[in-house]
Structure formats: C-alpha cells, structure tokens
C-alpha cells in the first residue's frame, strides 16, 4: 500500500503545479507575440546563452535531436539562428543565435512578467531561501 500524502504536501504540490501551468501559459503567449512556438523560444533562449551542439539542446529539453534540428531549421530560416563549426571539433556543428536572435530572446525574456512580479514581493532573503529549497528539491545543490 502506498504511503498517504499529508495535506500540507498535497497543497505544496498543487501550488507548484499552478506555478508551472501559469509560467507555461505566459511563456507560450509571449513566444506567440514574437511569432515563435514555445519550443522555438526555448531553443532560442538556450542559443542566446551560448552556441551549442544539437545533441546538448535535445538533452536539455528532453526531446529527440531530430526535433531540435527542425526547430533550428525554422529559426535559421527567420534569421534568428545559424549553424557554425565547433572550433574545438570541426566535425561538430553548433547552433548559435544571430544578433537578431539574441535580441529577440532578450525581448522575450523581458516580456515574461509572471515570475518577476510575484518574486518582487519577496525580500532578497526570501528569494534566496526559495531558490535554495527548489534546488534541493531538484537534487541540485550546486550554484548556477
């Protein structure tokens, strides 16, 4: 028999689910305002951070590399991404955001108010505690 979950744990799980749902909804709406799908916006955000091989992007998004290839193809056709050789291994192609892609990713990030507004109501100490608790829940005690 599975152990019963206490009421507080159920409430916390429900609140996390609500936060995730609201974030995804706002993210999809913000992406659409930039004529992007949510998946395209996520890939563009990753590429704006640093050029990456398709395999790593697929791992981060937990999807098939062929899906990433299609997304990068569409971003590339819009001038938001490009493929370039990896300077460390010329057999590997890196996907990278173009200058316009980086600017679009920044505008998208700036348009996401859902998390920023509620977090602004917390003190720096409260945000630090929340961050550390979320990292612990995810099993990621490392910084970054």
C-alpha atoms as a PDB file:
ATOM      1  CA  UNK A   1       0.000   0.000   0.000  1.00  0.00           C
ATOM      2  CA  UNK A   2       1.360   3.434  -0.981  1.00  0.00           C
ATOM      3  CA  UNK A   3       2.009   5.856   1.880  1.00  0.00           C
ATOM      4  CA  UNK A   4      -0.598   8.576   2.301  1.00  0.00           C
ATOM      5  CA  UNK A   5       0.481  12.099   1.476  1.00  0.00           C
ATOM      6  CA  UNK A   6      -0.202  14.668   4.160  1.00  0.00           C
ATOM      7  CA  UNK A   7      -2.407  17.692   3.424  1.00  0.00           C
ATOM      8  CA  UNK A   8       0.490  20.177   3.518  1.00  0.00           C
ATOM      9  CA  UNK A   9       2.494  18.190   0.954  1.00  0.00           C
ATOM     10  CA  UNK A  10      -0.566  17.944  -1.307  1.00  0.00           C
ATOM     11  CA  UNK A  11      -1.092  21.706  -1.053  1.00  0.00           C
ATOM     12  CA  UNK A  12       2.564  22.416  -1.884  1.00  0.00           C
ATOM     13  CA  UNK A  13       2.412  20.053  -4.874  1.00  0.00           C
ATOM     14  CA  UNK A  14      -0.787  21.743  -6.079  1.00  0.00           C
ATOM     15  CA  UNK A  15       0.792  25.190  -5.719  1.00  0.00           C
ATOM     16  CA  UNK A  16       3.882  24.093  -7.668  1.00  0.00           C
ATOM     17  CA  UNK A  17       1.611  22.720 -10.399  1.00  0.00           C
ATOM     18  CA  UNK A  18      -0.251  26.039 -10.560  1.00  0.00           C
ATOM     19  CA  UNK A  19       3.020  27.995 -10.819  1.00  0.00           C
ATOM     20  CA  UNK A  20       4.254  25.706 -13.606  1.00  0.00           C
ATOM     21  CA  UNK A  21       0.966  25.952 -15.523  1.00  0.00           C
ATOM     22  CA  UNK A  22       0.895  29.752 -15.278  1.00  0.00           C
ATOM     23  CA  UNK A  23       4.535  30.004 -16.352  1.00  0.00           C
ATOM     24  CA  UNK A  24       3.959  27.770 -19.392  1.00  0.00           C
ATOM     25  CA  UNK A  25       0.832  29.684 -20.368  1.00  0.00           C
ATOM     26  CA  UNK A  26       2.606  33.054 -20.188  1.00  0.00           C
ATOM     27  CA  UNK A  27       5.689  31.673 -21.929  1.00  0.00           C
ATOM     28  CA  UNK A  28       3.571  30.367 -24.843  1.00  0.00           C
ATOM     29  CA  UNK A  29       1.727  33.709 -25.094  1.00  0.00           C
ATOM     30  CA  UNK A  30       4.996  35.679 -25.043  1.00  0.00           C
ATOM     31  CA  UNK A  31       6.508  33.385 -27.669  1.00  0.00           C
ATOM     32  CA  UNK A  32       3.440  33.831 -29.896  1.00  0.00           C
ATOM     33  CA  UNK A  33       3.799  37.630 -29.659  1.00  0.00           C
ATOM     34  CA  UNK A  34       7.243  37.110 -31.237  1.00  0.00           C
ATOM     35  CA  UNK A  35       5.793  34.698 -33.844  1.00  0.00           C
ATOM     36  CA  UNK A  36       7.512  31.747 -32.168  1.00  0.00           C
ATOM     37  CA  UNK A  37       6.266  28.500 -30.731  1.00  0.00           C
ATOM     38  CA  UNK A  38       7.140  27.780 -27.121  1.00  0.00           C
ATOM     39  CA  UNK A  39       9.715  25.204 -28.251  1.00  0.00           C
ATOM     40  CA  UNK A  40      11.321  27.669 -30.660  1.00  0.00           C
ATOM     41  CA  UNK A  41      11.503  30.287 -27.908  1.00  0.00           C
ATOM     42  CA  UNK A  42      13.153  27.809 -25.518  1.00  0.00           C
ATOM     43  CA  UNK A  43      15.763  26.792 -28.080  1.00  0.00           C
ATOM     44  CA  UNK A  44      16.421  30.425 -28.953  1.00  0.00           C
ATOM     45  CA  UNK A  45      16.894  31.262 -25.258  1.00  0.00           C
ATOM     46  CA  UNK A  46      19.433  28.436 -24.932  1.00  0.00           C
ATOM     47  CA  UNK A  47      21.290  29.568 -28.049  1.00  0.00           C
ATOM     48  CA  UNK A  48      21.349  33.179 -26.872  1.00  0.00           C
ATOM     49  CA  UNK A  49      23.290  31.939 -23.836  1.00  0.00           C
ATOM     50  CA  UNK A  50      25.937  30.143 -25.873  1.00  0.00           C
ATOM     51  CA  UNK A  51      26.310  28.200 -29.123  1.00  0.00           C
ATOM     52  CA  UNK A  52      25.542  24.519 -28.535  1.00  0.00           C
ATOM     53  CA  UNK A  53      25.534  21.220 -30.373  1.00  0.00           C
ATOM     54  CA  UNK A  54      22.062  19.923 -31.223  1.00  0.00           C
ATOM     55  CA  UNK A  55      22.550  16.870 -29.007  1.00  0.00           C
ATOM     56  CA  UNK A  56      23.063  19.036 -25.907  1.00  0.00           C
ATOM     57  CA  UNK A  57      19.977  21.120 -26.710  1.00  0.00           C
ATOM     58  CA  UNK A  58      17.935  17.926 -27.073  1.00  0.00           C
ATOM     59  CA  UNK A  59      19.226  16.689 -23.705  1.00  0.00           C
ATOM     60  CA  UNK A  60      18.331  19.969 -22.002  1.00  0.00           C
ATOM     61  CA  UNK A  61      14.834  19.962 -23.492  1.00  0.00           C
ATOM     62  CA  UNK A  62      14.426  16.212 -23.035  1.00  0.00           C
ATOM     63  CA  UNK A  63      13.463  15.618 -26.651  1.00  0.00           C
ATOM     64  CA  UNK A  64      14.785  13.910 -29.765  1.00  0.00           C
ATOM     65  CA  UNK A  65      17.685  15.566 -31.641  1.00  0.00           C
ATOM     66  CA  UNK A  66      15.596  15.420 -34.835  1.00  0.00           C
ATOM     67  CA  UNK A  67      13.031  17.721 -33.166  1.00  0.00           C
ATOM     68  CA  UNK A  68      15.792  20.195 -32.346  1.00  0.00           C
ATOM     69  CA  UNK A  69      17.045  20.055 -35.935  1.00  0.00           C
ATOM     70  CA  UNK A  70      13.601  21.076 -37.199  1.00  0.00           C
ATOM     71  CA  UNK A  71      13.327  23.885 -34.656  1.00  0.00           C
ATOM     72  CA  UNK A  72      16.789  25.230 -35.515  1.00  0.00           C
ATOM     73  CA  UNK A  73      15.908  24.989 -39.236  1.00  0.00           C
ATOM     74  CA  UNK A  74      12.878  27.233 -38.633  1.00  0.00           C
ATOM     75  CA  UNK A  75      14.864  29.681 -36.505  1.00  0.00           C
ATOM     76  CA  UNK A  76      17.572  29.746 -39.159  1.00  0.00           C
ATOM     77  CA  UNK A  77      15.041  30.474 -41.931  1.00  0.00           C
ATOM     78  CA  UNK A  78      13.922  33.543 -39.930  1.00  0.00           C
ATOM     79  CA  UNK A  79      17.489  34.763 -39.416  1.00  0.00           C
ATOM     80  CA  UNK A  80      17.370  34.104 -35.659  1.00  0.00           C
ATOM     81  CA  UNK A  81      19.891  31.233 -35.572  1.00  0.00           C
ATOM     82  CA  UNK A  82      22.769  29.859 -37.588  1.00  0.00           C
ATOM     83  CA  UNK A  83      24.917  26.768 -37.702  1.00  0.00           C
ATOM     84  CA  UNK A  84      28.667  27.064 -37.417  1.00  0.00           C
ATOM     85  CA  UNK A  85      31.569  24.654 -36.992  1.00  0.00           C
ATOM     86  CA  UNK A  86      32.698  23.901 -33.441  1.00  0.00           C
ATOM     87  CA  UNK A  87      36.162  25.490 -33.092  1.00  0.00           C
ATOM     88  CA  UNK A  88      37.233  22.513 -30.935  1.00  0.00           C
ATOM     89  CA  UNK A  89      35.935  19.835 -33.320  1.00  0.00           C
ATOM     90  CA  UNK A  90      35.178  20.914 -36.870  1.00  0.00           C
ATOM     91  CA  UNK A  91      33.135  17.733 -37.441  1.00  0.00           C
ATOM     92  CA  UNK A  92      30.539  19.070 -34.980  1.00  0.00           C
ATOM     93  CA  UNK A  93      28.103  21.825 -35.927  1.00  0.00           C
ATOM     94  CA  UNK A  94      26.990  24.267 -33.272  1.00  0.00           C
ATOM     95  CA  UNK A  95      23.682  26.082 -33.352  1.00  0.00           C
ATOM     96  CA  UNK A  96      24.031  29.715 -32.353  1.00  0.00           C
ATOM     97  CA  UNK A  97      21.745  32.709 -32.054  1.00  0.00           C
ATOM     98  CA  UNK A  98      22.351  35.508 -34.527  1.00  0.00           C
ATOM     99  CA  UNK A  99      22.409  39.104 -33.294  1.00  0.00           C
ATOM    100  CA  UNK A 100      18.700  39.354 -34.156  1.00  0.00           C
ATOM    101  CA  UNK A 101      18.068  36.040 -32.400  1.00  0.00           C
ATOM    102  CA  UNK A 102      19.804  37.258 -29.252  1.00  0.00           C
ATOM    103  CA  UNK A 103      17.806  40.498 -29.328  1.00  0.00           C
ATOM    104  CA  UNK A 104      14.558  38.551 -29.816  1.00  0.00           C
ATOM    105  CA  UNK A 105      15.421  36.219 -26.916  1.00  0.00           C
ATOM    106  CA  UNK A 106      16.102  39.245 -24.704  1.00  0.00           C
ATOM    107  CA  UNK A 107      12.786  40.919 -25.672  1.00  0.00           C
ATOM    108  CA  UNK A 108      11.001  37.645 -24.956  1.00  0.00           C
ATOM    109  CA  UNK A 109      12.674  37.308 -21.554  1.00  0.00           C
ATOM    110  CA  UNK A 110      11.798  40.918 -20.680  1.00  0.00           C
ATOM    111  CA  UNK A 111       8.144  40.319 -21.577  1.00  0.00           C
ATOM    112  CA  UNK A 112       7.781  37.486 -19.038  1.00  0.00           C
ATOM    113  CA  UNK A 113       6.239  39.176 -16.029  1.00  0.00           C
ATOM    114  CA  UNK A 114       4.628  36.180 -14.328  1.00  0.00           C
ATOM    115  CA  UNK A 115       7.592  35.164 -12.195  1.00  0.00           C
ATOM    116  CA  UNK A 116       9.184  38.603 -11.916  1.00  0.00           C
ATOM    117  CA  UNK A 117       6.134  40.345 -10.443  1.00  0.00           C
ATOM    118  CA  UNK A 118       5.340  37.867  -7.618  1.00  0.00           C
ATOM    119  CA  UNK A 119       9.038  37.433  -6.813  1.00  0.00           C
ATOM    120  CA  UNK A 120       9.412  41.194  -6.485  1.00  0.00           C
ATOM    121  CA  UNK A 121       7.127  40.961  -3.452  1.00  0.00           C
ATOM    122  CA  UNK A 122       9.655  38.738  -1.694  1.00  0.00           C
ATOM    123  CA  UNK A 123      12.745  40.017   0.052  1.00  0.00           C
ATOM    124  CA  UNK A 124      16.173  39.043  -1.239  1.00  0.00           C
ATOM    125  CA  UNK A 125      16.466  36.661   1.723  1.00  0.00           C
ATOM    126  CA  UNK A 126      13.106  35.030   0.911  1.00  0.00           C
ATOM    127  CA  UNK A 127      14.080  34.645  -2.762  1.00  0.00           C
ATOM    128  CA  UNK A 128      17.377  33.067  -1.687  1.00  0.00           C
ATOM    129  CA  UNK A 129      15.579  30.596   0.595  1.00  0.00           C
ATOM    130  CA  UNK A 130      13.092  29.764  -2.183  1.00  0.00           C
ATOM    131  CA  UNK A 131      15.916  29.249  -4.694  1.00  0.00           C
ATOM    132  CA  UNK A 132      17.824  27.013  -2.310  1.00  0.00           C
ATOM    133  CA  UNK A 133      14.739  24.951  -1.477  1.00  0.00           C
ATOM    134  CA  UNK A 134      13.903  24.484  -5.164  1.00  0.00           C
ATOM    135  CA  UNK A 135      17.488  23.424  -5.879  1.00  0.00           C
ATOM    136  CA  UNK A 136      17.319  20.947  -3.028  1.00  0.00           C
ATOM    137  CA  UNK A 137      14.036  19.540  -4.311  1.00  0.00           C
ATOM    138  CA  UNK A 138      15.679  19.061  -7.715  1.00  0.00           C
ATOM    139  CA  UNK A 139      18.769  17.470  -6.177  1.00  0.00           C
ATOM    140  CA  UNK A 140      20.932  20.327  -7.436  1.00  0.00           C
ATOM    141  CA  UNK A 141      22.822  21.905  -4.551  1.00  0.00           C
ATOM    142  CA  UNK A 142      25.402  23.403  -6.935  1.00  0.00           C
ATOM    143  CA  UNK A 143      25.222  27.063  -7.845  1.00  0.00           C
ATOM    144  CA  UNK A 144      24.187  28.147 -11.314  1.00  0.00           C
END
